[in-house]
Amino acid sequence: MRSIWNGAISFGLVSIPIKLVNATENHSISFRQIHKDDGGRIRYRKVCELDGEEVTAPDIGKAYEDAGGVMIPITDEDLAALPLPTAKTIEIVAFVPASEIDPLQMDTAYYLSASGVPAAKPYTLLREALKRGKKVAIAKFALRGRERLGMLRVVDDVIVMHGLLWPDEIRAPEGVAPETGVTVRDAELDLADALMDTLGTVDLDSLHDDYREAVEEMIAAKAEGEPAPPRAPAETGGGKVIDLMAALENSVRAAQKSRGEDGPATEAEVTPLTDRERKPARKTAAKKTAAKKAAPAKRASTGKAAGRSTAKTATKKTATKKATTTRAKRASA
């Protein structure tokens, strides 16, 4: 892999010559803009807004536009004269647990390669120290004309550096969370737990870009003069969720079906409510009084119902006895 930056890691009094290599690559399919009528490429030209002349790259410089719209020219010499101690050095400033780094700060990733045989020993020392200490290194480095923040960690036997956004580049999530008060029941949390358990884990290496594959198939077909291959429309879950419980139950069943599991979602997958931390139900004094008053009336009502049931049974037996006697007299006559 081609290196994009050469320098050294400053580790106390230890200097480790390294090369910086991109750890990721973009596989997105890019398109060109064309003129629909004749298929000609659409190109952009850089034109000076004062004289209307097209300007070539060597004639283009930098400038800072202030609040009043005034352009302040900045030359490469001006930038080169600024003190930048990390211009060719990844300067480690601290070692911290990885849990202290918010993933929201993480940016582009790079592989750090030891540059030459003499760098192998200190490179391995830093790598093993990070492994044993279960920590990451926080460092400053300069790339493409500006100072950046980075995090060094170990992946397999390689030191990887993640570019980090500066703390003041992270926006506060003001006004993002729901502002209305919402109560979530234990039963809903149980079904959400069941859904997460049913979906389980995934091998990230098995995931791929379905859309990119569809675009590649379509391009290949059009290049051969054939119609684009038909594809089943993706299912969309638009609309409002009217019954959250039903939606969760259906989601659990669908997840079970996709994993080859059958059976009701609520029998084997739902965590019993007794496993959750809950508060005992409390009765108010008024409810307790009402319950005491209702108890005698309930017993009386039960007694009356039992009496009516006994009377009906006796009446039925008497009627049956009379009918039997009448049939016997008729038979003897």
C-alpha atoms as a PDB file:
ATOM      1  CA  MET A   1       0.000   0.000   0.000  1.00  0.00           C
ATOM      2  CA  ARG A   2       1.230   3.468  -0.866  1.00  0.00           C
ATOM      3  CA  SER A   3       2.073   5.747   2.047  1.00  0.00           C
ATOM      4  CA  ILE A   4       0.580   9.252   2.178  1.00  0.00           C
ATOM      5  CA  TRP A   5       2.815  10.685   4.930  1.00  0.00           C
ATOM      6  CA  ASN A   6       6.252   9.967   6.335  1.00  0.00           C
ATOM      7  CA  GLY A   7       7.371  10.984   9.796  1.00  0.00           C
ATOM      8  CA  ALA A   8       7.895   9.607  13.289  1.00  0.00           C
ATOM      9  CA  ILE A   9       6.014   8.786  16.466  1.00  0.00           C
ATOM     10  CA  SER A  10       7.351  10.705  19.449  1.00  0.00           C
ATOM     11  CA  PHE A  11       7.041   8.395  22.481  1.00  0.00           C
ATOM     12  CA  GLY A  12       8.787  10.187  25.355  1.00  0.00           C
ATOM     13  CA  LEU A  13      12.470  10.124  24.337  1.00  0.00           C
ATOM     14  CA  VAL A  14      11.780   7.347  21.826  1.00  0.00           C
ATOM     15  CA  SER A  15      11.351   8.219  18.152  1.00  0.00           C
ATOM     16  CA  ILE A  16       9.761   5.646  15.845  1.00  0.00           C
ATOM     17  CA  PRO A  17      10.071   6.285  12.089  1.00  0.00           C
ATOM     18  CA  ILE A  18       6.738   5.380  10.483  1.00  0.00           C
ATOM     19  CA  LYS A  19       4.730   5.637   7.291  1.00  0.00           C
ATOM     20  CA  LEU A  20       1.050   6.567   7.203  1.00  0.00           C
ATOM     21  CA  VAL A  21      -1.218   4.426   5.016  1.00  0.00           C
ATOM     22  CA  ASN A  22      -4.957   4.819   4.435  1.00  0.00           C
ATOM     23  CA  ALA A  23      -6.803   2.036   6.282  1.00  0.00           C
ATOM     24  CA  THR A  24     -10.102   2.465   4.437  1.00  0.00           C
ATOM     25  CA  GLU A  25     -11.255   2.920   0.855  1.00  0.00           C
ATOM     26  CA  ASN A  26     -14.428   4.145  -0.772  1.00  0.00           C
ATOM     27  CA  HIS A  27     -16.268   1.665  -3.000  1.00  0.00           C
ATOM     28  CA  SER A  28     -19.166   3.940  -3.883  1.00  0.00           C
ATOM     29  CA  ILE A  29     -19.995   4.135  -7.604  1.00  0.00           C
ATOM     30  CA  SER A  30     -19.508   7.640  -8.949  1.00  0.00           C
ATOM     31  CA  PHE A  31     -21.384   9.144 -11.906  1.00  0.00           C
ATOM     32  CA  ARG A  32     -20.479  11.843 -14.420  1.00  0.00           C
ATOM     33  CA  GLN A  33     -22.762  14.679 -15.387  1.00  0.00           C
ATOM     34  CA  ILE A  34     -23.722  14.701 -19.070  1.00  0.00           C
ATOM     35  CA  HIS A  35     -25.825  16.711 -21.491  1.00  0.00           C
ATOM     36  CA  LYS A  36     -29.055  14.702 -21.909  1.00  0.00           C
ATOM     37  CA  ASP A  37     -29.469  15.684 -25.568  1.00  0.00           C
ATOM     38  CA  ASP A  38     -26.125  14.434 -26.895  1.00  0.00           C
ATOM     39  CA  GLY A  39     -24.392  12.691 -23.964  1.00  0.00           C
ATOM     40  CA  GLY A  40     -21.536  15.185 -23.819  1.00  0.00           C
ATOM     41  CA  ARG A  41     -19.625  15.561 -20.528  1.00  0.00           C
ATOM     42  CA  ILE A  42     -20.453  18.568 -18.371  1.00  0.00           C
ATOM     43  CA  ARG A  43     -17.264  20.148 -17.031  1.00  0.00           C
ATOM     44  CA  TYR A  44     -16.707  22.947 -14.566  1.00  0.00           C
ATOM     45  CA  ARG A  45     -14.332  25.759 -15.338  1.00  0.00           C
ATOM     46  CA  LYS A  46     -12.757  28.073 -12.784  1.00  0.00           C
ATOM     47  CA  VAL A  47     -13.434  31.628 -13.855  1.00  0.00           C
ATOM     48  CA  CYS A  48     -12.392  34.898 -12.212  1.00  0.00           C
ATOM     49  CA  GLU A  49     -15.523  36.850 -11.337  1.00  0.00           C
ATOM     50  CA  LEU A  50     -13.781  40.203 -12.009  1.00  0.00           C
ATOM     51  CA  ASP A  51     -12.523  39.753 -15.564  1.00  0.00           C
ATOM     52  CA  GLY A  52     -14.432  36.624 -16.601  1.00  0.00           C
ATOM     53  CA  GLU A  53     -11.217  34.871 -17.631  1.00  0.00           C
ATOM     54  CA  GLU A  54     -10.689  31.125 -17.054  1.00  0.00           C
ATOM     55  CA  VAL A  55      -7.895  30.593 -14.499  1.00  0.00           C
ATOM     56  CA  THR A  56      -5.429  27.684 -14.491  1.00  0.00           C
ATOM     57  CA  ALA A  57      -4.259  25.893 -11.331  1.00  0.00           C
ATOM     58  CA  PRO A  58      -0.857  27.667 -11.040  1.00  0.00           C
ATOM     59  CA  ASP A  59      -2.647  31.038 -10.971  1.00  0.00           C
ATOM     60  CA  ILE A  60      -5.018  30.096  -8.147  1.00  0.00           C
ATOM     61  CA  GLY A  61      -4.074  31.099  -4.607  1.00  0.00           C
ATOM     62  CA  LYS A  62      -5.669  31.145  -1.142  1.00  0.00           C
ATOM     63  CA  ALA A  63      -7.430  33.932   0.729  1.00  0.00           C
ATOM     64  CA  TYR A  64      -9.427  34.345   3.928  1.00  0.00           C
ATOM     65  CA  GLU A  65     -12.751  36.152   3.632  1.00  0.00           C
ATOM     66  CA  ASP A  66     -13.514  38.261   6.686  1.00  0.00           C
ATOM     67  CA  ALA A  67     -16.958  39.187   8.018  1.00  0.00           C
ATOM     68  CA  GLY A  68     -17.093  42.221   5.732  1.00  0.00           C
ATOM     69  CA  GLY A  69     -16.407  40.197   2.585  1.00  0.00           C
ATOM     70  CA  VAL A  70     -12.827  41.448   2.201  1.00  0.00           C
ATOM     71  CA  MET A  71     -10.388  38.853   0.807  1.00  0.00           C
ATOM     72  CA  ILE A  72      -7.106  38.599   2.736  1.00  0.00           C
ATOM     73  CA  PRO A  73      -4.490  36.770   0.568  1.00  0.00           C
ATOM     74  CA  ILE A  74      -2.609  33.933   2.313  1.00  0.00           C
ATOM     75  CA  THR A  75       0.506  32.466   0.671  1.00  0.00           C
ATOM     76  CA  ASP A  76       2.166  29.082   1.160  1.00  0.00           C
ATOM     77  CA  GLU A  77       5.136  30.949   2.637  1.00  0.00           C
ATOM     78  CA  ASP A  78       2.860  32.509   5.270  1.00  0.00           C
ATOM     79  CA  LEU A  79       1.640  29.087   6.346  1.00  0.00           C
ATOM     80  CA  ALA A  80       5.116  27.531   6.246  1.00  0.00           C
ATOM     81  CA  ALA A  81       6.424  30.221   8.607  1.00  0.00           C
ATOM     82  CA  LEU A  82       3.908  29.265  11.332  1.00  0.00           C
ATOM     83  CA  PRO A  83       5.261  27.137  14.208  1.00  0.00           C
ATOM     84  CA  LEU A  84       3.934  23.589  13.728  1.00  0.00           C
ATOM     85  CA  PRO A  85       5.923  21.122  15.878  1.00  0.00           C
ATOM     86  CA  THR A  86       3.818  18.187  14.678  1.00  0.00           C
ATOM     87  CA  ALA A  87       4.563  18.797  10.991  1.00  0.00           C
ATOM     88  CA  LYS A  88       6.542  15.560  10.750  1.00  0.00           C
ATOM     89  CA  THR A  89       5.837  14.027  14.150  1.00  0.00           C
ATOM     90  CA  ILE A  90       2.931  12.152  15.726  1.00  0.00           C
ATOM     91  CA  GLU A  91       3.371  13.476  19.244  1.00  0.00           C
ATOM     92  CA  ILE A  92       1.809  11.264  21.913  1.00  0.00           C
ATOM     93  CA  VAL A  93       0.469  13.423  24.758  1.00  0.00           C
ATOM     94  CA  ALA A  94      -1.367  10.862  26.936  1.00  0.00           C
ATOM     95  CA  PHE A  95      -2.437   7.241  27.408  1.00  0.00           C
ATOM     96  CA  VAL A  96      -6.066   6.680  28.406  1.00  0.00           C
ATOM     97  CA  PRO A  97      -8.588   3.789  28.546  1.00  0.00           C
ATOM     98  CA  ALA A  98     -10.365   3.292  25.228  1.00  0.00           C
ATOM     99  CA  SER A  99     -13.719   3.784  26.973  1.00  0.00           C
ATOM    100  CA  GLU A 100     -12.901   7.475  27.464  1.00  0.00           C
ATOM    101  CA  ILE A 101     -13.017   8.117  23.705  1.00  0.00           C
ATOM    102  CA  ASP A 102     -16.468   8.964  22.382  1.00  0.00           C
ATOM    103  CA  PRO A 103     -17.014   7.196  19.017  1.00  0.00           C
ATOM    104  CA  LEU A 104     -18.656  10.434  17.880  1.00  0.00           C
ATOM    105  CA  GLN A 105     -15.165  11.949  17.691  1.00  0.00           C
ATOM    106  CA  MET A 106     -13.678   9.266  15.424  1.00  0.00           C
ATOM    107  CA  ASP A 107     -12.775  10.230  11.872  1.00  0.00           C
ATOM    108  CA  THR A 108     -10.567   8.683   9.174  1.00  0.00           C
ATOM    109  CA  ALA A 109      -8.431   5.634  10.071  1.00  0.00           C
ATOM    110  CA  TYR A 110      -4.792   5.061   9.075  1.00  0.00           C
ATOM    111  CA  TYR A 111      -2.335   2.179   9.413  1.00  0.00           C
ATOM    112  CA  LEU A 112       1.042   3.070  10.930  1.00  0.00           C
ATOM    113  CA  SER A 113       3.843   1.094   9.300  1.00  0.00           C
ATOM    114  CA  ALA A 114       7.344   0.865  10.750  1.00  0.00           C
ATOM    115  CA  SER A 115       9.734   2.604   8.373  1.00  0.00           C
ATOM    116  CA  GLY A 116      12.875   0.488   8.059  1.00  0.00           C
ATOM    117  CA  VAL A 117      14.501  -2.213  10.186  1.00  0.00           C
ATOM    118  CA  PRO A 118      15.630   0.110  13.053  1.00  0.00           C
ATOM    119  CA  ALA A 119      11.992   1.118  13.648  1.00  0.00           C
ATOM    120  CA  ALA A 120      10.823  -2.471  14.267  1.00  0.00           C
ATOM    121  CA  LYS A 121      11.999  -2.631  17.909  1.00  0.00           C
ATOM    122  CA  PRO A 122      10.457   0.629  19.222  1.00  0.00           C
ATOM    123  CA  TYR A 123       7.339   0.026  17.094  1.00  0.00           C
ATOM    124  CA  THR A 124       6.854  -3.401  18.723  1.00  0.00           C
ATOM    125  CA  LEU A 125       7.550  -1.925  22.165  1.00  0.00           C
ATOM    126  CA  LEU A 126       4.790   0.659  21.776  1.00  0.00           C
ATOM    127  CA  ARG A 127       2.390  -1.906  20.333  1.00  0.00           C
ATOM    128  CA  GLU A 128       2.900  -4.385  23.184  1.00  0.00           C
ATOM    129  CA  ALA A 129       2.714  -1.617  25.818  1.00  0.00           C
ATOM    130  CA  LEU A 130      -0.681  -0.549  24.437  1.00  0.00           C
ATOM    131  CA  LYS A 131      -1.858  -4.170  24.444  1.00  0.00           C
ATOM    132  CA  ARG A 132      -0.751  -4.945  27.991  1.00  0.00           C
ATOM    133  CA  GLY A 133      -2.022  -1.673  29.406  1.00  0.00           C
ATOM    134  CA  LYS A 134      -5.342  -2.012  27.527  1.00  0.00           C
ATOM    135  CA  LYS A 135      -5.080   1.661  26.659  1.00  0.00           C
ATOM    136  CA  VAL A 136      -4.988   3.933  23.636  1.00  0.00           C
ATOM    137  CA  ALA A 137      -2.598   6.796  22.947  1.00  0.00           C
ATOM    138  CA  ILE A 138      -3.836  10.332  22.333  1.00  0.00           C
ATOM    139  CA  ALA A 139      -1.588  12.237  19.926  1.00  0.00           C
ATOM    140  CA  LYS A 140      -1.277  15.380  17.849  1.00  0.00           C
ATOM    141  CA  PHE A 141      -0.193  15.266  14.222  1.00  0.00           C
ATOM    142  CA  ALA A 142      -0.263  17.500  11.156  1.00  0.00           C
ATOM    143  CA  LEU A 143      -1.703  16.426   7.822  1.00  0.00           C
ATOM    144  CA  ARG A 144      -2.620  18.438   4.728  1.00  0.00           C
ATOM    145  CA  GLY A 145      -1.670  21.762   6.233  1.00  0.00           C
ATOM    146  CA  ARG A 146      -3.388  21.634   9.603  1.00  0.00           C
ATOM    147  CA  GLU A 147      -2.857  20.141  13.038  1.00  0.00           C
ATOM    148  CA  ARG A 148      -5.133  17.269  14.008  1.00  0.00           C
ATOM    149  CA  LEU A 149      -5.950  15.079  16.984  1.00  0.00           C
ATOM    150  CA  GLY A 150      -5.473  11.312  16.806  1.00  0.00           C
ATOM    151  CA  MET A 151      -5.940   8.092  18.747  1.00  0.00           C
ATOM    152  CA  LEU A 152      -3.510   5.165  18.429  1.00  0.00           C
ATOM    153  CA  ARG A 153      -4.722   1.631  19.152  1.00  0.00           C
ATOM    154  CA  VAL A 154      -3.663  -1.910  18.264  1.00  0.00           C
ATOM    155  CA  VAL A 155      -5.464  -4.056  15.672  1.00  0.00           C
ATOM    156  CA  ASP A 156      -3.931  -7.535  15.398  1.00  0.00           C
ATOM    157  CA  ASP A 157      -0.198  -6.730  15.141  1.00  0.00           C
ATOM    158  CA  VAL A 158      -0.565  -3.255  13.647  1.00  0.00           C
ATOM    159  CA  ILE A 159      -0.824   0.170  15.267  1.00  0.00           C
ATOM    160  CA  VAL A 160      -3.815   2.022  13.857  1.00  0.00           C
ATOM    161  CA  MET A 161      -4.380   5.748  14.183  1.00  0.00           C
ATOM    162  CA  HIS A 162      -7.882   7.210  14.082  1.00  0.00           C
ATOM    163  CA  GLY A 163      -8.176  10.877  13.339  1.00  0.00           C
ATOM    164  CA  LEU A 164     -10.264  12.529  16.058  1.00  0.00           C
ATOM    165  CA  LEU A 165     -12.377  15.623  15.830  1.00  0.00           C
ATOM    166  CA  TRP A 166     -11.374  18.345  18.257  1.00  0.00           C
ATOM    167  CA  PRO A 167     -13.775  18.569  21.229  1.00  0.00           C
ATOM    168  CA  ASP A 168     -15.124  21.937  20.059  1.00  0.00           C
ATOM    169  CA  GLU A 169     -16.033  20.383  16.685  1.00  0.00           C
ATOM    170  CA  ILE A 170     -18.674  18.144  18.298  1.00  0.00           C
ATOM    171  CA  ARG A 171     -22.059  19.825  18.324  1.00  0.00           C
ATOM    172  CA  ALA A 172     -24.234  19.563  21.438  1.00  0.00           C
ATOM    173  CA  PRO A 173     -27.422  17.533  20.759  1.00  0.00           C
ATOM    174  CA  GLU A 174     -29.733  20.383  21.756  1.00  0.00           C
ATOM    175  CA  GLY A 175     -33.341  19.979  20.641  1.00  0.00           C
ATOM    176  CA  VAL A 176     -32.706  16.502  19.202  1.00  0.00           C
ATOM    177  CA  ALA A 177     -34.226  14.249  21.882  1.00  0.00           C
ATOM    178  CA  PRO A 178     -38.052  14.034  22.153  1.00  0.00           C
ATOM    179  CA  GLU A 179     -39.337  16.897  24.255  1.00  0.00           C
ATOM    180  CA  THR A 180     -42.676  15.294  25.153  1.00  0.00           C
ATOM    181  CA  GLY A 181     -42.896  13.071  28.211  1.00  0.00           C
ATOM    182  CA  VAL A 182     -43.194   9.379  27.327  1.00  0.00           C
ATOM    183  CA  THR A 183     -43.764   6.418  29.662  1.00  0.00           C
ATOM    184  CA  VAL A 184     -42.398   3.031  28.606  1.00  0.00           C
ATOM    185  CA  ARG A 185     -44.002  -0.010  30.235  1.00  0.00           C
ATOM    186  CA  ASP A 186     -42.104  -3.076  31.448  1.00  0.00           C
ATOM    187  CA  ALA A 187     -44.002  -5.270  28.969  1.00  0.00           C
ATOM    188  CA  GLU A 188     -42.817  -3.076  26.095  1.00  0.00           C
ATOM    189  CA  LEU A 189     -39.226  -3.266  27.334  1.00  0.00           C
ATOM    190  CA  ASP A 190     -39.559  -7.056  27.603  1.00  0.00           C
ATOM    191  CA  LEU A 191     -40.638  -7.300  23.977  1.00  0.00           C
ATOM    192  CA  ALA A 192     -37.828  -4.963  22.919  1.00  0.00           C
ATOM    193  CA  ASP A 193     -35.392  -7.215  24.817  1.00  0.00           C
ATOM    194  CA  ALA A 194     -36.882 -10.251  23.082  1.00  0.00           C
ATOM    195  CA  LEU A 195     -36.451  -8.592  19.690  1.00  0.00           C
ATOM    196  CA  MET A 196     -32.800  -7.780  20.410  1.00  0.00           C
ATOM    197  CA  ASP A 197     -32.160 -11.346  21.632  1.00  0.00           C
ATOM    198  CA  THR A 198     -33.851 -12.809  18.550  1.00  0.00           C
ATOM    199  CA  LEU A 199     -31.845 -10.660  16.135  1.00  0.00           C
ATOM    200  CA  GLY A 200     -28.733 -11.682  18.077  1.00  0.00           C
ATOM    201  CA  THR A 201     -25.243 -10.957  16.784  1.00  0.00           C
ATOM    202  CA  VAL A 202     -23.936 -10.632  13.248  1.00  0.00           C
ATOM    203  CA  ASP A 203     -20.658 -11.294  11.493  1.00  0.00           C
ATOM    204  CA  LEU A 204     -19.788  -7.852  10.159  1.00  0.00           C
ATOM    205  CA  ASP A 205     -17.720  -9.428   7.370  1.00  0.00           C
ATOM    206  CA  SER A 206     -20.924 -10.963   5.988  1.00  0.00           C
ATOM    207  CA  LEU A 207     -22.586  -7.565   5.455  1.00  0.00           C
ATOM    208  CA  HIS A 208     -22.384  -5.986   2.010  1.00  0.00           C
ATOM    209  CA  ASP A 209     -23.789  -3.089   0.001  1.00  0.00           C
ATOM    210  CA  ASP A 210     -26.914  -4.416  -1.750  1.00  0.00           C
ATOM    211  CA  TYR A 211     -27.553  -1.103  -3.494  1.00  0.00           C
ATOM    212  CA  ARG A 212     -24.062  -0.950  -4.987  1.00  0.00           C
ATOM    213  CA  GLU A 213     -24.433  -4.522  -6.308  1.00  0.00           C
ATOM    214  CA  ALA A 214     -27.769  -3.607  -7.905  1.00  0.00           C
ATOM    215  CA  VAL A 215     -26.195  -0.550  -9.575  1.00  0.00           C
ATOM    216  CA  GLU A 216     -23.296  -2.647 -10.896  1.00  0.00           C
ATOM    217  CA  GLU A 217     -25.718  -5.226 -12.350  1.00  0.00           C
ATOM    218  CA  MET A 218     -27.770  -2.485 -13.980  1.00  0.00           C
ATOM    219  CA  ILE A 219     -24.655  -0.850 -15.507  1.00  0.00           C
ATOM    220  CA  ALA A 220     -23.373  -4.191 -16.823  1.00  0.00           C
ATOM    221  CA  ALA A 221     -26.770  -4.958 -18.408  1.00  0.00           C
ATOM    222  CA  LYS A 222     -27.004  -1.537 -20.071  1.00  0.00           C
ATOM    223  CA  ALA A 223     -23.440  -1.852 -21.363  1.00  0.00           C
ATOM    224  CA  GLU A 224     -24.478  -5.102 -23.098  1.00  0.00           C
ATOM    225  CA  GLY A 225     -27.618  -3.471 -24.481  1.00  0.00           C
ATOM    226  CA  GLU A 226     -29.887  -5.586 -22.300  1.00  0.00           C
ATOM    227  CA  PRO A 227     -32.713  -4.444 -20.034  1.00  0.00           C
ATOM    228  CA  ALA A 228     -31.877  -3.967 -16.386  1.00  0.00           C
ATOM    229  CA  PRO A 229     -32.504  -7.119 -14.325  1.00  0.00           C
ATOM    230  CA  PRO A 230     -35.773  -6.900 -12.358  1.00  0.00           C
ATOM    231  CA  ARG A 231     -35.450  -6.791  -8.626  1.00  0.00           C
ATOM    232  CA  ALA A 232     -38.078  -7.312  -5.958  1.00  0.00           C
ATOM    233  CA  PRO A 233     -39.195  -3.996  -4.428  1.00  0.00           C
ATOM    234  CA  ALA A 234     -37.902  -3.411  -0.946  1.00  0.00           C
ATOM    235  CA  GLU A 235     -40.450  -3.577   1.826  1.00  0.00           C
ATOM    236  CA  THR A 236     -41.065  -0.238   3.469  1.00  0.00           C
ATOM    237  CA  GLY A 237     -42.551   0.287   6.876  1.00  0.00           C
ATOM    238  CA  GLY A 238     -44.186   3.650   6.364  1.00  0.00           C
ATOM    239  CA  GLY A 239     -47.078   5.042   8.357  1.00  0.00           C
ATOM    240  CA  LYS A 240     -47.634   5.590  12.035  1.00  0.00           C
ATOM    241  CA  VAL A 241     -47.220   2.890  14.664  1.00  0.00           C
ATOM    242  CA  ILE A 242     -50.700   2.653  16.165  1.00  0.00           C
ATOM    243  CA  ASP A 243     -50.115  -0.331  18.475  1.00  0.00           C
ATOM    244  CA  LEU A 244     -46.531  -0.447  19.744  1.00  0.00           C
ATOM    245  CA  MET A 245     -46.976  -3.807  21.455  1.00  0.00           C
ATOM    246  CA  ALA A 246     -48.342  -5.398  18.284  1.00  0.00           C
ATOM    247  CA  ALA A 247     -45.507  -3.897  16.243  1.00  0.00           C
ATOM    248  CA  LEU A 248     -42.917  -5.310  18.659  1.00  0.00           C
ATOM    249  CA  GLU A 249     -44.564  -8.749  18.699  1.00  0.00           C
ATOM    250  CA  ASN A 250     -44.715  -8.822  14.892  1.00  0.00           C
ATOM    251  CA  SER A 251     -41.075  -7.763  14.725  1.00  0.00           C
ATOM    252  CA  VAL A 252     -40.038 -10.611  17.041  1.00  0.00           C
ATOM    253  CA  ARG A 253     -41.986 -13.133  14.948  1.00  0.00           C
ATOM    254  CA  ALA A 254     -40.477 -11.806  11.721  1.00  0.00           C
ATOM    255  CA  ALA A 255     -36.979 -12.005  13.208  1.00  0.00           C
ATOM    256  CA  GLN A 256     -37.629 -15.567  14.387  1.00  0.00           C
ATOM    257  CA  LYS A 257     -38.900 -16.543  10.940  1.00  0.00           C
ATOM    258  CA  SER A 258     -35.861 -15.057   9.210  1.00  0.00           C
ATOM    259  CA  ARG A 259     -33.599 -17.099  11.510  1.00  0.00           C
ATOM    260  CA  GLY A 260     -35.582 -20.299  10.915  1.00  0.00           C
ATOM    261  CA  GLU A 261     -37.247 -20.258  14.313  1.00  0.00           C
ATOM    262  CA  ASP A 262     -40.974 -20.852  14.743  1.00  0.00           C
ATOM    263  CA  GLY A 263     -43.337 -20.433  17.643  1.00  0.00           C
ATOM    264  CA  PRO A 264     -44.979 -17.606  19.552  1.00  0.00           C
ATOM    265  CA  ALA A 265     -42.693 -14.740  20.331  1.00  0.00           C
ATOM    266  CA  THR A 266     -43.944 -14.233  23.861  1.00  0.00           C
ATOM    267  CA  GLU A 267     -43.436 -17.779  25.215  1.00  0.00           C
ATOM    268  CA  ALA A 268     -39.722 -18.482  24.754  1.00  0.00           C
ATOM    269  CA  GLU A 269     -38.261 -15.059  24.096  1.00  0.00           C
ATOM    270  CA  VAL A 270     -39.874 -12.610  26.527  1.00  0.00           C
ATOM    271  CA  THR A 271     -38.023 -12.006  29.772  1.00  0.00           C
ATOM    272  CA  PRO A 272     -40.412 -12.535  32.739  1.00  0.00           C
ATOM    273  CA  LEU A 273     -41.423  -9.366  34.515  1.00  0.00           C
ATOM    274  CA  THR A 274     -40.289 -10.904  37.822  1.00  0.00           C
ATOM    275  CA  ASP A 275     -36.685 -10.582  36.593  1.00  0.00           C
ATOM    276  CA  ARG A 276     -37.054  -6.830  36.414  1.00  0.00           C
ATOM    277  CA  GLU A 277     -36.595  -4.462  39.299  1.00  0.00           C
ATOM    278  CA  ARG A 278     -40.059  -3.195  40.161  1.00  0.00           C
ATOM    279  CA  LYS A 279     -41.825  -1.406  42.990  1.00  0.00           C
ATOM    280  CA  PRO A 280     -44.686  -3.073  44.957  1.00  0.00           C
ATOM    281  CA  ALA A 281     -48.151  -1.783  44.203  1.00  0.00           C
ATOM    282  CA  ARG A 282     -49.506   0.640  46.795  1.00  0.00           C
ATOM    283  CA  LYS A 283     -53.131   1.221  47.832  1.00  0.00           C
ATOM    284  CA  THR A 284     -54.331   4.555  49.062  1.00  0.00           C
ATOM    285  CA  ALA A 285     -56.261   4.857  52.337  1.00  0.00           C
ATOM    286  CA  ALA A 286     -59.460   5.616  50.420  1.00  0.00           C
ATOM    287  CA  LYS A 287     -59.092   2.434  48.354  1.00  0.00           C
ATOM    288  CA  LYS A 288     -58.495   0.349  51.489  1.00  0.00           C
ATOM    289  CA  THR A 289     -61.639   1.784  53.168  1.00  0.00           C
ATOM    290  CA  ALA A 290     -63.718   1.157  50.057  1.00  0.00           C
ATOM    291  CA  ALA A 291     -62.468  -2.422  49.920  1.00  0.00           C
ATOM    292  CA  LYS A 292     -63.479  -3.035  53.561  1.00  0.00           C
ATOM    293  CA  LYS A 293     -66.955  -1.607  52.990  1.00  0.00           C
ATOM    294  CA  ALA A 294     -67.439  -3.684  49.885  1.00  0.00           C
ATOM    295  CA  ALA A 295     -66.465  -6.956  51.592  1.00  0.00           C
ATOM    296  CA  PRO A 296     -69.720  -7.495  53.669  1.00  0.00           C
ATOM    297  CA  ALA A 297     -71.876  -6.532  50.708  1.00  0.00           C
ATOM    298  CA  LYS A 298     -69.981  -8.974  48.533  1.00  0.00           C
ATOM    299  CA  ARG A 299     -70.479 -11.776  51.117  1.00  0.00           C
ATOM    300  CA  ALA A 300     -74.192 -10.963  51.381  1.00  0.00           C
ATOM    301  CA  SER A 301     -74.543 -10.966  47.641  1.00  0.00           C
ATOM    302  CA  THR A 302     -72.770 -14.302  47.503  1.00  0.00           C
ATOM    303  CA  GLY A 303     -75.120 -15.726  50.181  1.00  0.00           C
ATOM    304  CA  LYS A 304     -78.242 -14.558  48.328  1.00  0.00           C
ATOM    305  CA  ALA A 305     -76.987 -16.070  45.119  1.00  0.00           C
ATOM    306  CA  ALA A 306     -76.330 -19.351  46.895  1.00  0.00           C
ATOM    307  CA  GLY A 307     -79.848 -19.303  48.412  1.00  0.00           C
ATOM    308  CA  ARG A 308     -81.449 -18.698  45.030  1.00  0.00           C
ATOM    309  CA  SER A 309     -79.444 -21.562  43.577  1.00  0.00           C
ATOM    310  CA  THR A 310     -80.588 -23.939  46.397  1.00  0.00           C
ATOM    311  CA  ALA A 311     -84.267 -22.953  45.974  1.00  0.00           C
ATOM    312  CA  LYS A 312     -84.134 -23.574  42.249  1.00  0.00           C
ATOM    313  CA  THR A 313     -82.621 -27.013  42.827  1.00  0.00           C
ATOM    314  CA  ALA A 314     -85.379 -27.989  45.351  1.00  0.00           C
ATOM    315  CA  THR A 315     -88.164 -26.800  43.017  1.00  0.00           C
ATOM    316  CA  LYS A 316     -86.696 -28.802  40.166  1.00  0.00           C
ATOM    317  CA  LYS A 317     -86.568 -31.975  42.310  1.00  0.00           C
ATOM    318  CA  THR A 318     -90.249 -31.555  43.418  1.00  0.00           C
ATOM    319  CA  ALA A 319     -91.431 -31.122  39.827  1.00  0.00           C
ATOM    320  CA  THR A 320     -89.521 -34.217  38.741  1.00  0.00           C
ATOM    321  CA  LYS A 321     -91.087 -36.276  41.602  1.00  0.00           C
ATOM    322  CA  LYS A 322     -94.653 -35.176  40.656  1.00  0.00           C
ATOM    323  CA  ALA A 323     -94.144 -36.044  37.009  1.00  0.00           C
ATOM    324  CA  THR A 324     -92.907 -39.514  37.943  1.00  0.00           C
ATOM    325  CA  THR A 325     -95.978 -40.177  40.170  1.00  0.00           C
ATOM    326  CA  THR A 326     -98.393 -39.046  37.462  1.00  0.00           C
ATOM    327  CA  ARG A 327     -96.826 -41.379  34.873  1.00  0.00           C
ATOM    328  CA  ALA A 328     -97.097 -44.304  37.330  1.00  0.00           C
ATOM    329  CA  LYS A 329    -100.843 -43.717  37.976  1.00  0.00           C
ATOM    330  CA  ARG A 330    -101.585 -43.567  34.269  1.00  0.00           C
ATOM    331  CA  ALA A 331     -99.746 -46.801  33.677  1.00  0.00           C
ATOM    332  CA  SER A 332    -101.714 -48.673  36.445  1.00  0.00           C
ATOM    333  CA  ALA A 333    -105.060 -47.395  35.072  1.00  0.00           C
END
